[in-house]
């Protein structure tokens, strides 16, 4: 079995007195795509925040590469190689494409910045063509490419993609999921947190269905995709 990169056991957290995640267990192994699916408000963003060190865990353990990271700062977690591409891209609109990418290696990957930059430009030729252009002038799809490229600059061991298809046209969504497949084929482990159920299940090895702060279902993606009752009850299809 492949190395277990991420392991979560009994994780609870929330905001103030409100518990959002109510004791979840999950794992991501090296080289696989795992998707977390669920509608708005079920705790997906909260999960991403606690994994990235932005929100503290109340109870439970988070291990990355065999080392506990719950309690570590966001900066230290980035240095470990757990990199998140946030929902809504969060690029710096008044900086150039190149400057946005270079900021991705601020905490990790700096010694290989030039090499990684060329690799990103090879993956995203459109970014190369416009590297001096302000990021805020890009289309939504191009901004998402930039956000993913910025994450890749940090040489991730595990890349968390938070709603990468949000707000994109159907054609660009197809392109985005093709890119996710390509990154994974190159050996990158990906945690895909999405509302786009059909395409997420197509690209992922395994899936977790988050409902009201707990995983209502989990298993191989193809099994979940084939089960009409599961799709109707938990995914609204």
C-alpha atoms as a PDB file:
ATOM      1  CA  UNK A   1       0.000   0.000   0.000  1.00  0.00           C
ATOM      2  CA  UNK A   2       1.190   3.529  -0.777  1.00  0.00           C
ATOM      3  CA  UNK A   3       2.502   5.774   1.959  1.00  0.00           C
ATOM      4  CA  UNK A   4      -0.226   7.401   4.039  1.00  0.00           C
ATOM      5  CA  UNK A   5       0.372  11.119   3.643  1.00  0.00           C
ATOM      6  CA  UNK A   6      -2.552  12.540   5.587  1.00  0.00           C
ATOM      7  CA  UNK A   7      -4.365  10.883   8.476  1.00  0.00           C
ATOM      8  CA  UNK A   8      -7.192  12.445  10.476  1.00  0.00           C
ATOM      9  CA  UNK A   9      -8.615  10.802  13.582  1.00  0.00           C
ATOM     10  CA  UNK A  10     -11.540  12.033  15.687  1.00  0.00           C
ATOM     11  CA  UNK A  11     -11.248  15.626  14.476  1.00  0.00           C
ATOM     12  CA  UNK A  12     -13.601  18.153  16.039  1.00  0.00           C
ATOM     13  CA  UNK A  13     -13.518  21.916  15.588  1.00  0.00           C
ATOM     14  CA  UNK A  14     -15.733  24.923  15.032  1.00  0.00           C
ATOM     15  CA  UNK A  15     -16.192  28.600  15.758  1.00  0.00           C
ATOM     16  CA  UNK A  16     -16.944  30.027  19.192  1.00  0.00           C
ATOM     17  CA  UNK A  17     -19.358  27.638  20.851  1.00  0.00           C
ATOM     18  CA  UNK A  18     -20.542  26.156  17.545  1.00  0.00           C
ATOM     19  CA  UNK A  19     -19.161  22.737  16.645  1.00  0.00           C
ATOM     20  CA  UNK A  20     -18.859  22.342  12.878  1.00  0.00           C
ATOM     21  CA  UNK A  21     -16.778  19.168  12.442  1.00  0.00           C
ATOM     22  CA  UNK A  22     -18.122  16.567  14.837  1.00  0.00           C
ATOM     23  CA  UNK A  23     -15.485  13.827  14.890  1.00  0.00           C
ATOM     24  CA  UNK A  24     -14.199  12.852  11.451  1.00  0.00           C
ATOM     25  CA  UNK A  25     -11.682  10.251  10.290  1.00  0.00           C
ATOM     26  CA  UNK A  26     -10.076  10.206   6.859  1.00  0.00           C
ATOM     27  CA  UNK A  27      -6.842   9.484   5.022  1.00  0.00           C
ATOM     28  CA  UNK A  28      -5.039  10.404   1.817  1.00  0.00           C
ATOM     29  CA  UNK A  29      -2.292   8.155   0.454  1.00  0.00           C
ATOM     30  CA  UNK A  30       0.621   9.112  -1.751  1.00  0.00           C
ATOM     31  CA  UNK A  31      -0.257   9.374  -5.425  1.00  0.00           C
ATOM     32  CA  UNK A  32      -4.045   9.351  -5.110  1.00  0.00           C
ATOM     33  CA  UNK A  33      -6.841  11.854  -5.601  1.00  0.00           C
ATOM     34  CA  UNK A  34      -9.333  11.912  -2.752  1.00  0.00           C
ATOM     35  CA  UNK A  35     -12.447  14.048  -3.003  1.00  0.00           C
ATOM     36  CA  UNK A  36     -14.564  15.509  -0.208  1.00  0.00           C
ATOM     37  CA  UNK A  37     -18.049  16.289  -1.470  1.00  0.00           C
ATOM     38  CA  UNK A  38     -20.921  18.156   0.113  1.00  0.00           C
ATOM     39  CA  UNK A  39     -23.213  21.131  -0.261  1.00  0.00           C
ATOM     40  CA  UNK A  40     -22.629  24.604   1.169  1.00  0.00           C
ATOM     41  CA  UNK A  41     -22.502  24.827   4.944  1.00  0.00           C
ATOM     42  CA  UNK A  42     -21.621  21.209   5.751  1.00  0.00           C
ATOM     43  CA  UNK A  43     -18.060  21.957   6.906  1.00  0.00           C
ATOM     44  CA  UNK A  44     -15.836  21.637   3.814  1.00  0.00           C
ATOM     45  CA  UNK A  45     -14.163  25.026   4.207  1.00  0.00           C
ATOM     46  CA  UNK A  46     -13.785  24.429   7.945  1.00  0.00           C
ATOM     47  CA  UNK A  47     -11.965  21.178   7.165  1.00  0.00           C
ATOM     48  CA  UNK A  48      -9.573  22.999   4.832  1.00  0.00           C
ATOM     49  CA  UNK A  49      -8.924  25.684   7.438  1.00  0.00           C
ATOM     50  CA  UNK A  50      -8.048  23.254  10.193  1.00  0.00           C
ATOM     51  CA  UNK A  51      -5.813  21.182   7.886  1.00  0.00           C
ATOM     52  CA  UNK A  52      -3.940  24.342   6.905  1.00  0.00           C
ATOM     53  CA  UNK A  53      -3.488  25.558  10.481  1.00  0.00           C
ATOM     54  CA  UNK A  54      -5.733  28.589  10.080  1.00  0.00           C
ATOM     55  CA  UNK A  55      -8.305  27.168  12.512  1.00  0.00           C
ATOM     56  CA  UNK A  56      -7.266  25.149  15.604  1.00  0.00           C
ATOM     57  CA  UNK A  57      -8.467  21.601  16.165  1.00  0.00           C
ATOM     58  CA  UNK A  58     -10.530  21.149  19.337  1.00  0.00           C
ATOM     59  CA  UNK A  59      -9.907  17.430  19.694  1.00  0.00           C
ATOM     60  CA  UNK A  60      -8.438  14.640  17.585  1.00  0.00           C
ATOM     61  CA  UNK A  61      -5.244  14.252  15.600  1.00  0.00           C
ATOM     62  CA  UNK A  62      -4.002  15.344  12.196  1.00  0.00           C
ATOM     63  CA  UNK A  63      -0.861  13.606  10.939  1.00  0.00           C
ATOM     64  CA  UNK A  64       0.978  14.548   7.770  1.00  0.00           C
ATOM     65  CA  UNK A  65       3.806  12.316   6.629  1.00  0.00           C
ATOM     66  CA  UNK A  66       3.595  10.552   9.977  1.00  0.00           C
ATOM     67  CA  UNK A  67       4.069  13.761  12.004  1.00  0.00           C
ATOM     68  CA  UNK A  68       1.338  15.487  14.002  1.00  0.00           C
ATOM     69  CA  UNK A  69       0.550  18.904  12.564  1.00  0.00           C
ATOM     70  CA  UNK A  70      -2.490  19.872  14.649  1.00  0.00           C
ATOM     71  CA  UNK A  71      -1.225  22.732  16.775  1.00  0.00           C
ATOM     72  CA  UNK A  72       1.404  23.809  14.262  1.00  0.00           C
ATOM     73  CA  UNK A  73       1.218  27.237  12.634  1.00  0.00           C
ATOM     74  CA  UNK A  74       0.011  27.693   9.061  1.00  0.00           C
ATOM     75  CA  UNK A  75       3.539  28.673   8.040  1.00  0.00           C
ATOM     76  CA  UNK A  76       5.026  25.476   9.485  1.00  0.00           C
ATOM     77  CA  UNK A  77       2.376  23.348   7.769  1.00  0.00           C
ATOM     78  CA  UNK A  78       3.267  24.954   4.431  1.00  0.00           C
ATOM     79  CA  UNK A  79       6.921  24.197   5.122  1.00  0.00           C
ATOM     80  CA  UNK A  80       5.961  20.534   5.621  1.00  0.00           C
ATOM     81  CA  UNK A  81       4.536  20.509   2.074  1.00  0.00           C
ATOM     82  CA  UNK A  82       0.774  20.594   2.676  1.00  0.00           C
ATOM     83  CA  UNK A  83      -0.314  23.332   0.292  1.00  0.00           C
ATOM     84  CA  UNK A  84      -3.823  24.707  -0.231  1.00  0.00           C
ATOM     85  CA  UNK A  85      -5.249  26.495  -3.249  1.00  0.00           C
ATOM     86  CA  UNK A  86      -8.113  28.415  -1.594  1.00  0.00           C
ATOM     87  CA  UNK A  87     -11.669  28.838  -2.792  1.00  0.00           C
ATOM     88  CA  UNK A  88     -12.050  31.954  -4.909  1.00  0.00           C
ATOM     89  CA  UNK A  89      -8.399  31.859  -6.059  1.00  0.00           C
ATOM     90  CA  UNK A  90      -7.198  34.651  -3.699  1.00  0.00           C
ATOM     91  CA  UNK A  91      -4.619  35.906  -6.168  1.00  0.00           C
ATOM     92  CA  UNK A  92      -2.982  39.327  -5.817  1.00  0.00           C
ATOM     93  CA  UNK A  93      -4.736  41.327  -8.576  1.00  0.00           C
ATOM     94  CA  UNK A  94      -2.295  44.247  -8.624  1.00  0.00           C
ATOM     95  CA  UNK A  95       0.771  42.044  -8.964  1.00  0.00           C
ATOM     96  CA  UNK A  96       1.930  40.441 -12.193  1.00  0.00           C
ATOM     97  CA  UNK A  97       1.472  36.789 -13.032  1.00  0.00           C
ATOM     98  CA  UNK A  98       5.159  36.185 -12.439  1.00  0.00           C
ATOM     99  CA  UNK A  99       5.110  37.985  -9.077  1.00  0.00           C
ATOM    100  CA  UNK A 100       2.097  35.947  -7.942  1.00  0.00           C
ATOM    101  CA  UNK A 101       3.895  32.731  -8.844  1.00  0.00           C
ATOM    102  CA  UNK A 102       7.116  33.753  -7.132  1.00  0.00           C
ATOM    103  CA  UNK A 103       5.184  34.438  -3.916  1.00  0.00           C
ATOM    104  CA  UNK A 104       4.166  30.781  -3.940  1.00  0.00           C
ATOM    105  CA  UNK A 105       7.731  29.818  -3.045  1.00  0.00           C
ATOM    106  CA  UNK A 106       8.025  32.269  -0.159  1.00  0.00           C
ATOM    107  CA  UNK A 107       7.965  29.539   2.529  1.00  0.00           C
ATOM    108  CA  UNK A 108       8.875  26.415   0.538  1.00  0.00           C
ATOM    109  CA  UNK A 109      10.588  25.769  -2.787  1.00  0.00           C
ATOM    110  CA  UNK A 110      12.645  28.967  -2.888  1.00  0.00           C
ATOM    111  CA  UNK A 111      15.949  27.259  -3.840  1.00  0.00           C
ATOM    112  CA  UNK A 112      14.266  25.799  -6.947  1.00  0.00           C
ATOM    113  CA  UNK A 113      12.206  28.893  -7.794  1.00  0.00           C
ATOM    114  CA  UNK A 114      13.578  29.414 -11.313  1.00  0.00           C
ATOM    115  CA  UNK A 115      13.225  25.751 -12.277  1.00  0.00           C
ATOM    116  CA  UNK A 116       9.720  25.507 -10.834  1.00  0.00           C
ATOM    117  CA  UNK A 117       8.684  28.716 -12.576  1.00  0.00           C
ATOM    118  CA  UNK A 118       9.664  27.269 -15.934  1.00  0.00           C
ATOM    119  CA  UNK A 119       7.772  24.075 -15.121  1.00  0.00           C
ATOM    120  CA  UNK A 120       4.640  26.086 -14.311  1.00  0.00           C
ATOM    121  CA  UNK A 121       4.974  28.063 -17.524  1.00  0.00           C
ATOM    122  CA  UNK A 122       5.340  24.802 -19.462  1.00  0.00           C
ATOM    123  CA  UNK A 123       2.143  23.500 -17.833  1.00  0.00           C
ATOM    124  CA  UNK A 124       0.277  26.795 -18.394  1.00  0.00           C
ATOM    125  CA  UNK A 125       1.522  28.356 -21.658  1.00  0.00           C
ATOM    126  CA  UNK A 126      -1.096  31.112 -21.372  1.00  0.00           C
ATOM    127  CA  UNK A 127       0.533  32.323 -18.163  1.00  0.00           C
ATOM    128  CA  UNK A 128       3.924  32.354 -19.847  1.00  0.00           C
ATOM    129  CA  UNK A 129       2.580  34.498 -22.693  1.00  0.00           C
ATOM    130  CA  UNK A 130       1.310  37.094 -20.192  1.00  0.00           C
ATOM    131  CA  UNK A 131       3.768  36.803 -17.312  1.00  0.00           C
ATOM    132  CA  UNK A 132       4.094  40.579 -16.933  1.00  0.00           C
ATOM    133  CA  UNK A 133       0.332  41.196 -16.995  1.00  0.00           C
ATOM    134  CA  UNK A 134      -1.569  42.172 -13.840  1.00  0.00           C
ATOM    135  CA  UNK A 135      -3.264  39.072 -12.425  1.00  0.00           C
ATOM    136  CA  UNK A 136      -6.521  40.941 -11.891  1.00  0.00           C
ATOM    137  CA  UNK A 137      -6.977  41.319 -15.651  1.00  0.00           C
ATOM    138  CA  UNK A 138      -7.111  37.546 -16.245  1.00  0.00           C
ATOM    139  CA  UNK A 139     -10.281  35.576 -16.869  1.00  0.00           C
ATOM    140  CA  UNK A 140     -11.684  33.384 -14.110  1.00  0.00           C
ATOM    141  CA  UNK A 141     -10.183  30.249 -15.626  1.00  0.00           C
ATOM    142  CA  UNK A 142      -6.801  31.875 -16.049  1.00  0.00           C
ATOM    143  CA  UNK A 143      -6.890  33.107 -12.454  1.00  0.00           C
ATOM    144  CA  UNK A 144      -7.594  29.553 -11.300  1.00  0.00           C
ATOM    145  CA  UNK A 145      -4.616  28.323 -13.332  1.00  0.00           C
ATOM    146  CA  UNK A 146      -2.500  31.006 -11.682  1.00  0.00           C
ATOM    147  CA  UNK A 147      -3.704  30.002  -8.213  1.00  0.00           C
ATOM    148  CA  UNK A 148      -2.847  26.345  -8.877  1.00  0.00           C
ATOM    149  CA  UNK A 149       0.505  27.347 -10.374  1.00  0.00           C
ATOM    150  CA  UNK A 150       1.246  29.425  -7.283  1.00  0.00           C
ATOM    151  CA  UNK A 151       0.508  26.381  -5.120  1.00  0.00           C
ATOM    152  CA  UNK A 152       2.789  24.225  -7.273  1.00  0.00           C
ATOM    153  CA  UNK A 153       5.632  26.676  -6.742  1.00  0.00           C
ATOM    154  CA  UNK A 154       5.758  25.476  -3.116  1.00  0.00           C
ATOM    155  CA  UNK A 155       6.606  21.917  -4.236  1.00  0.00           C
ATOM    156  CA  UNK A 156       3.582  20.333  -2.520  1.00  0.00           C
ATOM    157  CA  UNK A 157       3.604  16.812  -1.169  1.00  0.00           C
ATOM    158  CA  UNK A 158      -0.188  17.103  -0.935  1.00  0.00           C
ATOM    159  CA  UNK A 159      -2.197  19.764  -2.766  1.00  0.00           C
ATOM    160  CA  UNK A 160      -5.613  20.764  -1.407  1.00  0.00           C
ATOM    161  CA  UNK A 161      -7.869  22.234  -4.095  1.00  0.00           C
ATOM    162  CA  UNK A 162     -10.866  24.062  -2.616  1.00  0.00           C
ATOM    163  CA  UNK A 163     -13.719  24.365  -5.150  1.00  0.00           C
ATOM    164  CA  UNK A 164     -11.434  24.801  -8.210  1.00  0.00           C
ATOM    165  CA  UNK A 165     -14.390  24.671 -10.617  1.00  0.00           C
ATOM    166  CA  UNK A 166     -16.411  27.367  -8.817  1.00  0.00           C
ATOM    167  CA  UNK A 167     -17.645  30.109 -11.138  1.00  0.00           C
ATOM    168  CA  UNK A 168     -16.056  28.682 -14.283  1.00  0.00           C
ATOM    169  CA  UNK A 169     -17.743  27.962 -17.607  1.00  0.00           C
ATOM    170  CA  UNK A 170     -18.403  24.300 -18.499  1.00  0.00           C
ATOM    171  CA  UNK A 171     -15.577  24.243 -21.043  1.00  0.00           C
ATOM    172  CA  UNK A 172     -13.095  25.677 -18.558  1.00  0.00           C
ATOM    173  CA  UNK A 173     -14.315  23.228 -15.902  1.00  0.00           C
ATOM    174  CA  UNK A 174     -13.477  20.364 -18.284  1.00  0.00           C
ATOM    175  CA  UNK A 175     -10.037  21.864 -18.775  1.00  0.00           C
ATOM    176  CA  UNK A 176      -9.562  22.228 -15.024  1.00  0.00           C
ATOM    177  CA  UNK A 177     -10.387  18.593 -14.306  1.00  0.00           C
ATOM    178  CA  UNK A 178      -8.069  17.547 -17.127  1.00  0.00           C
ATOM    179  CA  UNK A 179      -5.317  19.518 -15.406  1.00  0.00           C
ATOM    180  CA  UNK A 180      -6.068  17.779 -12.081  1.00  0.00           C
ATOM    181  CA  UNK A 181      -5.678  14.414 -13.815  1.00  0.00           C
ATOM    182  CA  UNK A 182      -2.379  15.507 -15.331  1.00  0.00           C
ATOM    183  CA  UNK A 183      -0.942  16.739 -12.031  1.00  0.00           C
ATOM    184  CA  UNK A 184      -1.909  13.467 -10.390  1.00  0.00           C
ATOM    185  CA  UNK A 185      -0.433  11.437 -13.255  1.00  0.00           C
ATOM    186  CA  UNK A 186       2.843  13.205 -12.533  1.00  0.00           C
ATOM    187  CA  UNK A 187       2.710  11.745  -9.007  1.00  0.00           C
ATOM    188  CA  UNK A 188       1.066  14.519  -6.992  1.00  0.00           C
ATOM    189  CA  UNK A 189      -1.417  13.554  -4.259  1.00  0.00           C
ATOM    190  CA  UNK A 190      -4.500  15.784  -4.342  1.00  0.00           C
ATOM    191  CA  UNK A 191      -7.323  16.421  -1.869  1.00  0.00           C
ATOM    192  CA  UNK A 192     -10.168  17.783  -3.984  1.00  0.00           C
ATOM    193  CA  UNK A 193     -12.896  19.579  -2.018  1.00  0.00           C
ATOM    194  CA  UNK A 194     -15.800  20.220  -4.363  1.00  0.00           C
ATOM    195  CA  UNK A 195     -19.514  20.582  -5.027  1.00  0.00           C
ATOM    196  CA  UNK A 196     -19.070  19.338  -8.604  1.00  0.00           C
ATOM    197  CA  UNK A 197     -20.072  15.776  -7.827  1.00  0.00           C
ATOM    198  CA  UNK A 198     -20.001  14.075 -11.226  1.00  0.00           C
ATOM    199  CA  UNK A 199     -16.582  15.178 -12.414  1.00  0.00           C
ATOM    200  CA  UNK A 200     -15.011  14.884  -8.961  1.00  0.00           C
ATOM    201  CA  UNK A 201     -16.084  11.251  -8.715  1.00  0.00           C
ATOM    202  CA  UNK A 202     -14.711  10.634 -12.217  1.00  0.00           C
ATOM    203  CA  UNK A 203     -11.194  11.810 -11.333  1.00  0.00           C
ATOM    204  CA  UNK A 204     -10.917  10.654  -7.706  1.00  0.00           C
ATOM    205  CA  UNK A 205      -9.775   7.295  -6.343  1.00  0.00           C
ATOM    206  CA  UNK A 206     -11.883   7.575  -3.212  1.00  0.00           C
ATOM    207  CA  UNK A 207     -14.613   9.888  -1.949  1.00  0.00           C
ATOM    208  CA  UNK A 208     -15.920  11.153   1.371  1.00  0.00           C
ATOM    209  CA  UNK A 209     -19.427  12.630   1.601  1.00  0.00           C
ATOM    210  CA  UNK A 210     -19.592  15.342   4.268  1.00  0.00           C
ATOM    211  CA  UNK A 211     -22.988  16.037   5.789  1.00  0.00           C
ATOM    212  CA  UNK A 212     -23.634  18.129   8.903  1.00  0.00           C
ATOM    213  CA  UNK A 213     -20.049  17.912  10.093  1.00  0.00           C
ATOM    214  CA  UNK A 214     -19.569  14.143   9.742  1.00  0.00           C
ATOM    215  CA  UNK A 215     -18.720  11.817   6.883  1.00  0.00           C
ATOM    216  CA  UNK A 216     -22.013  10.180   6.055  1.00  0.00           C
ATOM    217  CA  UNK A 217     -20.380   7.956   3.434  1.00  0.00           C
ATOM    218  CA  UNK A 218     -16.960   7.039   2.151  1.00  0.00           C
ATOM    219  CA  UNK A 219     -15.540   4.551  -0.286  1.00  0.00           C
ATOM    220  CA  UNK A 220     -14.202   4.032  -3.805  1.00  0.00           C
ATOM    221  CA  UNK A 221     -15.457   6.777  -6.091  1.00  0.00           C
ATOM    222  CA  UNK A 222     -16.748   4.401  -8.751  1.00  0.00           C
ATOM    223  CA  UNK A 223     -18.934   2.582  -6.215  1.00  0.00           C
ATOM    224  CA  UNK A 224     -20.449   5.813  -4.952  1.00  0.00           C
ATOM    225  CA  UNK A 225     -20.996   7.036  -8.516  1.00  0.00           C
ATOM    226  CA  UNK A 226     -22.867   3.839  -9.457  1.00  0.00           C
ATOM    227  CA  UNK A 227     -25.192   3.716  -6.454  1.00  0.00           C
ATOM    228  CA  UNK A 228     -28.418   5.606  -7.276  1.00  0.00           C
ATOM    229  CA  UNK A 229     -29.635   5.631  -3.661  1.00  0.00           C
ATOM    230  CA  UNK A 230     -26.399   7.164  -2.410  1.00  0.00           C
ATOM    231  CA  UNK A 231     -26.475   9.795  -5.126  1.00  0.00           C
ATOM    232  CA  UNK A 232     -30.101  10.668  -4.475  1.00  0.00           C
ATOM    233  CA  UNK A 233     -29.850  10.762  -0.667  1.00  0.00           C
ATOM    234  CA  UNK A 234     -26.528  12.489  -0.129  1.00  0.00           C
ATOM    235  CA  UNK A 235     -25.573  14.148  -3.392  1.00  0.00           C
ATOM    236  CA  UNK A 236     -28.911  15.427  -4.661  1.00  0.00           C
ATOM    237  CA  UNK A 237     -28.604  13.698  -8.050  1.00  0.00           C
END
